[in-house]
Amino acid sequence: MPAQSKRKHHGTNNLELLAEGKQDREYKRKLDKISKDKQEKKKMTFAYLKTIKKMGYDFEDSITDHKRKLEKIQKKKEARGDPFKKEREEFEKKKQQQLAENKERLKKKEELQRKHEQREQKRKQMRRTNNRGQPVLKYHMNQILNKLTSEKK
């Protein structure tokens, strides 16, 4: 039984290899080689540093020099400034203006809607009141209309 499972496993590997393109395999090999080279370089540098330390070399001077160089580079970058700063600020201003305009539009819409609702309420209320603003019920209105129509006849 185990022999059969191995055969199947090899079959899938072969299928996978066939499915992978030749370029993919070469790319993977190159990546593996690069990672191995990096590991070897790290090992070599650590070994080199250990031997130098044993010889009595002090690293503090080189570290301070390196820090100074980094600080100079940082100062140059800060002096140059951000090349896209103006564009970014303009974009932010436009965005803020658009937001303000949208808020104003929404306020105007809400105000119009509120006015419309108030008008509608007044209209409904006027239907239910007489000229003096006294409330008139529907059946009273019917009675008044009946009286008016009967008087005309």
N, C-alpha and C. Protein backbone atom coordinates (compact mmCIF):
# COMPACT_ATOMS: atom_id res chain seq x y z
N MET A 1 0.80 -1.22 0.00
CA MET A 1 0.00 0.00 0.00
C MET A 1 0.84 1.28 0.00
N PRO A 2 1.87 1.36 0.86
CA PRO A 2 2.64 2.60 0.87
C PRO A 2 3.32 2.88 -0.47
N ALA A 3 3.71 1.81 -1.18
CA ALA A 3 4.37 2.01 -2.46
C ALA A 3 3.44 2.70 -3.45
N GLN A 4 2.15 2.32 -3.41
CA GLN A 4 1.19 2.94 -4.33
C GLN A 4 1.02 4.43 -4.03
N SER A 5 0.96 4.75 -2.74
CA SER A 5 0.77 6.16 -2.39
C SER A 5 1.98 6.98 -2.84
N LYS A 6 3.19 6.38 -2.76
CA LYS A 6 4.38 7.10 -3.22
C LYS A 6 4.29 7.35 -4.72
N ARG A 7 3.84 6.34 -5.44
CA ARG A 7 3.74 6.50 -6.89
C ARG A 7 2.77 7.64 -7.23
N LYS A 8 1.63 7.65 -6.53
CA LYS A 8 0.66 8.71 -6.78
C LYS A 8 1.28 10.07 -6.48
N HIS A 9 2.03 10.12 -5.39
CA HIS A 9 2.65 11.37 -4.99
C HIS A 9 3.62 11.85 -6.07
N HIS A 10 4.42 10.91 -6.59
CA HIS A 10 5.35 11.28 -7.65
C HIS A 10 4.59 11.76 -8.88
N GLY A 11 3.46 11.10 -9.15
CA GLY A 11 2.67 11.50 -10.31
C GLY A 11 2.19 12.94 -10.19
N THR A 12 1.72 13.30 -8.99
CA THR A 12 1.24 14.68 -8.81
C THR A 12 2.40 15.66 -8.93
N ASN A 13 3.57 15.25 -8.41
CA ASN A 13 4.73 16.14 -8.53
C ASN A 13 5.07 16.36 -9.99
N ASN A 14 5.05 15.27 -10.76
CA ASN A 14 5.35 15.41 -12.18
C ASN A 14 4.33 16.31 -12.86
N LEU A 15 3.06 16.11 -12.47
CA LEU A 15 2.02 16.97 -13.05
C LEU A 15 2.25 18.43 -12.68
N GLU A 16 2.62 18.64 -11.41
CA GLU A 16 2.88 20.01 -10.97
C GLU A 16 4.04 20.61 -11.75
N LEU A 17 5.09 19.79 -11.94
CA LEU A 17 6.24 20.29 -12.70
C LEU A 17 5.85 20.62 -14.13
N LEU A 18 5.00 19.75 -14.71
CA LEU A 18 4.56 20.03 -16.07
C LEU A 18 3.71 21.30 -16.11
N ALA A 19 2.89 21.47 -15.07
CA ALA A 19 2.01 22.65 -15.02
C ALA A 19 2.84 23.93 -14.90
N GLU A 20 3.90 23.85 -14.10
CA GLU A 20 4.76 25.02 -13.96
C GLU A 20 5.51 25.24 -15.26
N GLY A 21 5.65 26.46 -15.60
CA GLY A 21 6.40 26.76 -16.81
C GLY A 21 7.89 26.68 -16.55
N LYS A 22 8.65 26.59 -17.59
CA LYS A 22 10.11 26.52 -17.47
C LYS A 22 10.65 27.80 -16.84
N GLN A 23 10.05 28.92 -17.20
CA GLN A 23 10.50 30.20 -16.65
C GLN A 23 10.27 30.26 -15.14
N ASP A 24 9.12 29.71 -14.69
CA ASP A 24 8.82 29.72 -13.26
C ASP A 24 9.89 28.96 -12.49
N ARG A 25 10.26 27.79 -13.01
CA ARG A 25 11.28 26.99 -12.33
C ARG A 25 12.62 27.72 -12.29
N GLU A 26 12.98 28.36 -13.40
CA GLU A 26 14.24 29.11 -13.43
C GLU A 26 14.20 30.28 -12.46
N TYR A 27 13.05 30.93 -12.39
CA TYR A 27 12.89 32.07 -11.47
C TYR A 27 13.06 31.60 -10.02
N LYS A 28 12.45 30.45 -9.69
CA LYS A 28 12.59 29.92 -8.32
C LYS A 28 14.04 29.57 -8.02
N ARG A 29 14.72 28.97 -8.98
CA ARG A 29 16.14 28.64 -8.77
C ARG A 29 16.95 29.89 -8.50
N LYS A 30 16.70 30.94 -9.29
CA LYS A 30 17.44 32.19 -9.09
C LYS A 30 17.17 32.78 -7.72
N LEU A 31 15.90 32.74 -7.30
CA LEU A 31 15.56 33.25 -5.96
C LEU A 31 16.28 32.47 -4.87
N ASP A 32 16.28 31.14 -5.00
CA ASP A 32 16.98 30.31 -4.02
C ASP A 32 18.46 30.65 -3.99
N LYS A 33 19.05 30.82 -5.17
CA LYS A 33 20.47 31.14 -5.25
C LYS A 33 20.76 32.48 -4.58
N ILE A 34 19.89 33.47 -4.84
CA ILE A 34 20.08 34.80 -4.23
C ILE A 34 20.00 34.71 -2.72
N SER A 35 19.00 33.96 -2.21
CA SER A 35 18.86 33.86 -0.75
C SER A 35 20.07 33.14 -0.14
N LYS A 36 20.57 32.10 -0.83
CA LYS A 36 21.77 31.41 -0.33
C LYS A 36 22.97 32.34 -0.32
N ASP A 37 23.11 33.14 -1.38
CA ASP A 37 24.22 34.10 -1.45
C ASP A 37 24.13 35.11 -0.30
N LYS A 38 22.92 35.58 -0.01
CA LYS A 38 22.75 36.54 1.09
C LYS A 38 23.15 35.92 2.42
N GLN A 39 22.73 34.67 2.64
CA GLN A 39 23.09 33.99 3.88
C GLN A 39 24.60 33.84 4.00
N GLU A 40 25.24 33.47 2.90
CA GLU A 40 26.70 33.32 2.92
C GLU A 40 27.38 34.65 3.21
N LYS A 41 26.88 35.74 2.61
CA LYS A 41 27.46 37.05 2.87
C LYS A 41 27.34 37.43 4.34
N LYS A 42 26.16 37.14 4.92
CA LYS A 42 25.97 37.44 6.35
C LYS A 42 26.98 36.67 7.19
N LYS A 43 27.11 35.38 6.89
CA LYS A 43 28.07 34.57 7.65
C LYS A 43 29.48 35.13 7.52
N MET A 44 29.84 35.51 6.30
CA MET A 44 31.18 36.04 6.07
C MET A 44 31.39 37.35 6.84
N THR A 45 30.39 38.23 6.81
CA THR A 45 30.55 39.52 7.51
C THR A 45 30.67 39.31 9.01
N PHE A 46 29.85 38.40 9.56
CA PHE A 46 29.95 38.15 11.00
C PHE A 46 31.31 37.57 11.37
N ALA A 47 31.78 36.64 10.53
CA ALA A 47 33.10 36.05 10.80
C ALA A 47 34.18 37.13 10.72
N TYR A 48 34.08 38.00 9.73
CA TYR A 48 35.04 39.09 9.56
C TYR A 48 35.03 40.02 10.77
N LEU A 49 33.83 40.39 11.22
CA LEU A 49 33.72 41.27 12.38
C LEU A 49 34.31 40.62 13.63
N LYS A 50 34.07 39.32 13.79
CA LYS A 50 34.63 38.63 14.96
C LYS A 50 36.15 38.66 14.95
N THR A 51 36.71 38.39 13.76
CA THR A 51 38.18 38.39 13.69
C THR A 51 38.74 39.78 13.95
N ILE A 52 38.06 40.81 13.44
CA ILE A 52 38.54 42.18 13.67
C ILE A 52 38.46 42.53 15.15
N LYS A 53 37.38 42.12 15.81
CA LYS A 53 37.24 42.40 17.24
C LYS A 53 38.36 41.73 18.04
N LYS A 54 38.66 40.50 17.64
CA LYS A 54 39.73 39.78 18.33
C LYS A 54 41.05 40.51 18.17
N MET A 55 41.23 41.17 17.02
CA MET A 55 42.47 41.89 16.78
C MET A 55 42.53 43.20 17.57
N GLY A 56 41.37 43.64 18.11
CA GLY A 56 41.37 44.83 18.95
C GLY A 56 40.90 46.09 18.26
N TYR A 57 40.25 45.99 17.12
CA TYR A 57 39.76 47.18 16.42
C TYR A 57 38.50 47.68 17.11
N ASP A 58 38.39 49.02 17.26
CA ASP A 58 37.24 49.62 17.92
C ASP A 58 36.26 50.11 16.85
N PHE A 59 35.03 49.65 16.96
CA PHE A 59 34.01 50.00 15.97
C PHE A 59 33.33 51.33 16.23
N GLU A 60 33.49 51.89 17.42
CA GLU A 60 32.73 53.08 17.79
C GLU A 60 33.02 54.26 16.86
N ASP A 61 34.26 54.42 16.44
CA ASP A 61 34.60 55.52 15.53
C ASP A 61 33.85 55.38 14.20
N SER A 62 33.88 54.18 13.67
CA SER A 62 33.21 53.98 12.37
C SER A 62 31.69 54.14 12.52
N ILE A 63 31.16 53.72 13.67
CA ILE A 63 29.72 53.87 13.89
C ILE A 63 29.34 55.34 13.97
N THR A 64 30.13 56.15 14.69
CA THR A 64 29.82 57.58 14.80
C THR A 64 29.95 58.27 13.44
N ASP A 65 30.97 57.88 12.66
CA ASP A 65 31.11 58.45 11.31
C ASP A 65 29.88 58.13 10.45
N HIS A 66 29.44 56.89 10.56
CA HIS A 66 28.27 56.47 9.78
C HIS A 66 27.03 57.26 10.20
N LYS A 67 26.87 57.47 11.51
CA LYS A 67 25.73 58.25 12.01
C LYS A 67 25.79 59.68 11.51
N ARG A 68 26.99 60.26 11.49
CA ARG A 68 27.14 61.62 10.98
C ARG A 68 26.73 61.71 9.51
N LYS A 69 27.17 60.72 8.73
CA LYS A 69 26.80 60.69 7.32
C LYS A 69 25.29 60.62 7.15
N LEU A 70 24.66 59.75 7.94
CA LEU A 70 23.21 59.62 7.87
C LEU A 70 22.51 60.93 8.24
N GLU A 71 23.03 61.62 9.26
CA GLU A 71 22.45 62.91 9.67
C GLU A 71 22.58 63.94 8.55
N LYS A 72 23.75 63.98 7.89
CA LYS A 72 23.94 64.91 6.78
C LYS A 72 22.95 64.64 5.66
N ILE A 73 22.79 63.36 5.34
CA ILE A 73 21.84 62.99 4.29
C ILE A 73 20.43 63.42 4.67
N GLN A 74 20.07 63.20 5.94
CA GLN A 74 18.74 63.59 6.42
C GLN A 74 18.54 65.10 6.31
N LYS A 75 19.58 65.87 6.69
CA LYS A 75 19.49 67.33 6.61
C LYS A 75 19.30 67.79 5.17
N LYS A 76 20.03 67.15 4.24
CA LYS A 76 19.88 67.50 2.83
C LYS A 76 18.46 67.24 2.35
N LYS A 77 17.90 66.11 2.77
CA LYS A 77 16.53 65.77 2.37
C LYS A 77 15.55 66.81 2.91
N GLU A 78 15.75 67.20 4.18
CA GLU A 78 14.87 68.20 4.78
C GLU A 78 15.02 69.56 4.09
N ALA A 79 16.26 69.91 3.72
CA ALA A 79 16.49 71.19 3.05
C ALA A 79 15.82 71.21 1.68
N ARG A 80 15.88 70.08 0.99
CA ARG A 80 15.24 69.99 -0.32
C ARG A 80 13.73 70.15 -0.19
N GLY A 81 13.19 69.59 0.85
CA GLY A 81 11.75 69.69 1.08
C GLY A 81 10.98 68.69 0.23
N ASP A 82 9.69 68.78 0.39
CA ASP A 82 8.81 67.87 -0.33
C ASP A 82 8.47 68.47 -1.69
N PRO A 83 8.86 67.82 -2.79
CA PRO A 83 8.60 68.39 -4.11
C PRO A 83 7.10 68.47 -4.45
N PHE A 84 6.29 67.61 -3.85
CA PHE A 84 4.86 67.59 -4.16
C PHE A 84 4.02 68.25 -3.08
N LYS A 85 4.68 69.05 -2.24
CA LYS A 85 3.96 69.67 -1.12
C LYS A 85 2.86 70.61 -1.61
N LYS A 86 3.18 71.46 -2.59
CA LYS A 86 2.20 72.42 -3.10
C LYS A 86 1.00 71.70 -3.69
N GLU A 87 1.28 70.69 -4.51
CA GLU A 87 0.19 69.94 -5.14
C GLU A 87 -0.69 69.29 -4.09
N ARG A 88 -0.05 68.72 -3.06
CA ARG A 88 -0.80 68.06 -2.00
C ARG A 88 -1.68 69.06 -1.26
N GLU A 89 -1.13 70.26 -0.97
CA GLU A 89 -1.90 71.29 -0.27
C GLU A 89 -3.08 71.76 -1.12
N GLU A 90 -2.84 71.96 -2.42
CA GLU A 90 -3.93 72.38 -3.31
C GLU A 90 -5.03 71.33 -3.35
N PHE A 91 -4.61 70.07 -3.42
CA PHE A 91 -5.58 68.97 -3.45
C PHE A 91 -6.41 68.97 -2.17
N GLU A 92 -5.74 69.16 -1.01
CA GLU A 92 -6.46 69.19 0.27
C GLU A 92 -7.44 70.36 0.31
N LYS A 93 -7.00 71.54 -0.19
CA LYS A 93 -7.90 72.70 -0.21
C LYS A 93 -9.13 72.43 -1.06
N LYS A 94 -8.91 71.85 -2.24
CA LYS A 94 -10.04 71.53 -3.12
C LYS A 94 -11.00 70.56 -2.44
N LYS A 95 -10.41 69.58 -1.76
CA LYS A 95 -11.24 68.59 -1.06
C LYS A 95 -12.08 69.27 0.02
N GLN A 96 -11.45 70.16 0.79
CA GLN A 96 -12.16 70.88 1.85
C GLN A 96 -13.28 71.74 1.25
N GLN A 97 -12.99 72.42 0.14
CA GLN A 97 -14.01 73.24 -0.51
C GLN A 97 -15.19 72.40 -0.97
N GLN A 98 -14.87 71.24 -1.56
CA GLN A 98 -15.95 70.36 -2.02
C GLN A 98 -16.80 69.90 -0.85
N LEU A 99 -16.15 69.55 0.27
CA LEU A 99 -16.90 69.13 1.44
C LEU A 99 -17.79 70.26 1.95
N ALA A 100 -17.25 71.48 1.99
CA ALA A 100 -18.03 72.63 2.45
C ALA A 100 -19.23 72.87 1.52
N GLU A 101 -19.00 72.79 0.20
CA GLU A 101 -20.08 72.98 -0.76
C GLU A 101 -21.16 71.91 -0.58
N ASN A 102 -20.74 70.67 -0.38
CA ASN A 102 -21.71 69.59 -0.16
C ASN A 102 -22.53 69.85 1.09
N LYS A 103 -21.87 70.32 2.17
CA LYS A 103 -22.60 70.61 3.40
C LYS A 103 -23.62 71.72 3.17
N GLU A 104 -23.21 72.76 2.44
CA GLU A 104 -24.13 73.86 2.14
C GLU A 104 -25.33 73.38 1.33
N ARG A 105 -25.06 72.54 0.33
CA ARG A 105 -26.15 72.00 -0.48
C ARG A 105 -27.12 71.20 0.39
N LEU A 106 -26.57 70.37 1.27
CA LEU A 106 -27.43 69.57 2.15
C LEU A 106 -28.26 70.47 3.05
N LYS A 107 -27.64 71.53 3.60
CA LYS A 107 -28.37 72.46 4.46
C LYS A 107 -29.51 73.11 3.68
N LYS A 108 -29.22 73.57 2.44
CA LYS A 108 -30.25 74.21 1.62
C LYS A 108 -31.39 73.23 1.34
N LYS A 109 -31.03 71.98 1.01
CA LYS A 109 -32.05 70.98 0.74
C LYS A 109 -32.94 70.77 1.96
N GLU A 110 -32.29 70.61 3.12
CA GLU A 110 -33.06 70.40 4.35
C GLU A 110 -33.95 71.59 4.65
N GLU A 111 -33.44 72.80 4.43
CA GLU A 111 -34.22 74.00 4.67
C GLU A 111 -35.43 74.07 3.74
N LEU A 112 -35.22 73.78 2.46
CA LEU A 112 -36.34 73.75 1.52
C LEU A 112 -37.37 72.71 1.91
N GLN A 113 -36.88 71.55 2.32
CA GLN A 113 -37.79 70.49 2.71
C GLN A 113 -38.60 70.91 3.93
N ARG A 114 -37.94 71.56 4.90
CA ARG A 114 -38.62 72.03 6.10
C ARG A 114 -39.69 73.07 5.74
N LYS A 115 -39.33 74.02 4.85
CA LYS A 115 -40.29 75.03 4.42
C LYS A 115 -41.48 74.39 3.72
N HIS A 116 -41.18 73.40 2.88
CA HIS A 116 -42.25 72.71 2.16
C HIS A 116 -43.20 72.02 3.14
N GLU A 117 -42.62 71.36 4.14
CA GLU A 117 -43.45 70.69 5.15
C GLU A 117 -44.29 71.70 5.92
N GLN A 118 -43.71 72.85 6.26
CA GLN A 118 -44.47 73.88 6.98
C GLN A 118 -45.62 74.39 6.11
N ARG A 119 -45.36 74.64 4.84
CA ARG A 119 -46.43 75.09 3.94
C ARG A 119 -47.55 74.06 3.86
N GLU A 120 -47.13 72.79 3.75
CA GLU A 120 -48.12 71.71 3.67
C GLU A 120 -48.97 71.66 4.93
N GLN A 121 -48.33 71.82 6.09
CA GLN A 121 -49.08 71.82 7.35
C GLN A 121 -50.04 73.00 7.40
N LYS A 122 -49.58 74.18 6.98
CA LYS A 122 -50.46 75.36 6.97
C LYS A 122 -51.64 75.14 6.05
N ARG A 123 -51.38 74.56 4.88
CA ARG A 123 -52.45 74.30 3.92
C ARG A 123 -53.49 73.36 4.51
N LYS A 124 -53.01 72.29 5.16
CA LYS A 124 -53.93 71.35 5.79
C LYS A 124 -54.72 72.03 6.89
N GLN A 125 -54.02 72.88 7.65
CA GLN A 125 -54.67 73.58 8.75
C GLN A 125 -55.72 74.55 8.22
N MET A 126 -55.43 75.23 7.12
CA MET A 126 -56.38 76.17 6.53
C MET A 126 -57.62 75.46 6.04
N ARG A 127 -57.48 74.23 5.62
CA ARG A 127 -58.64 73.46 5.19
C ARG A 127 -59.59 73.25 6.36
N ARG A 128 -59.01 73.11 7.55
CA ARG A 128 -59.82 72.77 8.72
C ARG A 128 -60.30 74.00 9.49
N THR A 129 -59.93 75.20 9.03
CA THR A 129 -60.34 76.40 9.76
C THR A 129 -61.15 77.33 8.85
N ASN A 130 -61.95 78.20 9.48
CA ASN A 130 -62.66 79.21 8.69
C ASN A 130 -61.76 80.42 8.52
N ASN A 131 -62.30 81.50 7.96
CA ASN A 131 -61.48 82.67 7.66
C ASN A 131 -60.86 83.29 8.90
N ARG A 132 -61.54 83.16 10.02
CA ARG A 132 -61.02 83.75 11.26
C ARG A 132 -59.96 82.87 11.92
N GLY A 133 -59.74 81.67 11.39
CA GLY A 133 -58.75 80.77 11.96
C GLY A 133 -59.34 79.84 13.01
N GLN A 134 -60.70 79.85 13.12
CA GLN A 134 -61.35 78.94 14.08
C GLN A 134 -61.48 77.57 13.43
N PRO A 135 -61.27 76.52 14.22
CA PRO A 135 -61.36 75.17 13.63
C PRO A 135 -62.79 74.84 13.21
N VAL A 136 -62.89 74.19 12.06
CA VAL A 136 -64.18 73.77 11.54
C VAL A 136 -64.09 72.28 11.23
N LEU A 137 -64.98 71.50 11.82
CA LEU A 137 -64.97 70.07 11.56
C LEU A 137 -65.62 69.78 10.21
N LYS A 138 -65.40 68.58 9.71
CA LYS A 138 -65.89 68.24 8.39
C LYS A 138 -67.41 68.29 8.32
N TYR A 139 -68.07 67.74 9.33
CA TYR A 139 -69.53 67.73 9.27
C TYR A 139 -70.11 69.13 9.39
N HIS A 140 -69.41 70.03 10.14
CA HIS A 140 -69.83 71.42 10.18
C HIS A 140 -69.70 72.04 8.79
N MET A 141 -68.57 71.71 8.12
CA MET A 141 -68.36 72.25 6.79
C MET A 141 -69.47 71.79 5.86
N ASN A 142 -69.86 70.51 5.97
CA ASN A 142 -70.94 69.99 5.13
C ASN A 142 -72.24 70.72 5.43
N GLN A 143 -72.50 70.97 6.72
CA GLN A 143 -73.73 71.69 7.10
C GLN A 143 -73.74 73.09 6.51
N ILE A 144 -72.58 73.77 6.62
CA ILE A 144 -72.49 75.13 6.09
C ILE A 144 -72.71 75.12 4.58
N LEU A 145 -72.08 74.16 3.90
CA LEU A 145 -72.25 74.07 2.45
C LEU A 145 -73.70 73.79 2.08
N ASN A 146 -74.34 72.91 2.85
CA ASN A 146 -75.75 72.59 2.59
C ASN A 146 -76.62 73.84 2.76
N LYS A 147 -76.35 74.61 3.81
CA LYS A 147 -77.12 75.83 4.05
C LYS A 147 -76.94 76.81 2.89
N LEU A 148 -75.69 76.97 2.46
CA LEU A 148 -75.41 77.90 1.37
C LEU A 148 -76.12 77.47 0.09
N THR A 149 -76.07 76.17 -0.20
CA THR A 149 -76.70 75.68 -1.43
C THR A 149 -78.21 75.79 -1.34
N SER A 150 -78.76 75.55 -0.14
CA SER A 150 -80.22 75.64 0.01
C SER A 150 -80.69 77.08 -0.09
N GLU A 151 -79.91 78.03 0.40
CA GLU A 151 -80.27 79.44 0.33
C GLU A 151 -80.28 79.93 -1.11
N LYS A 152 -79.36 79.41 -1.92
CA LYS A 152 -79.27 79.84 -3.31
C LYS A 152 -80.51 79.40 -4.08
N LYS A 153 -81.06 78.27 -3.72
CA LYS A 153 -82.24 77.75 -4.43
C LYS A 153 -83.41 78.57 -4.09
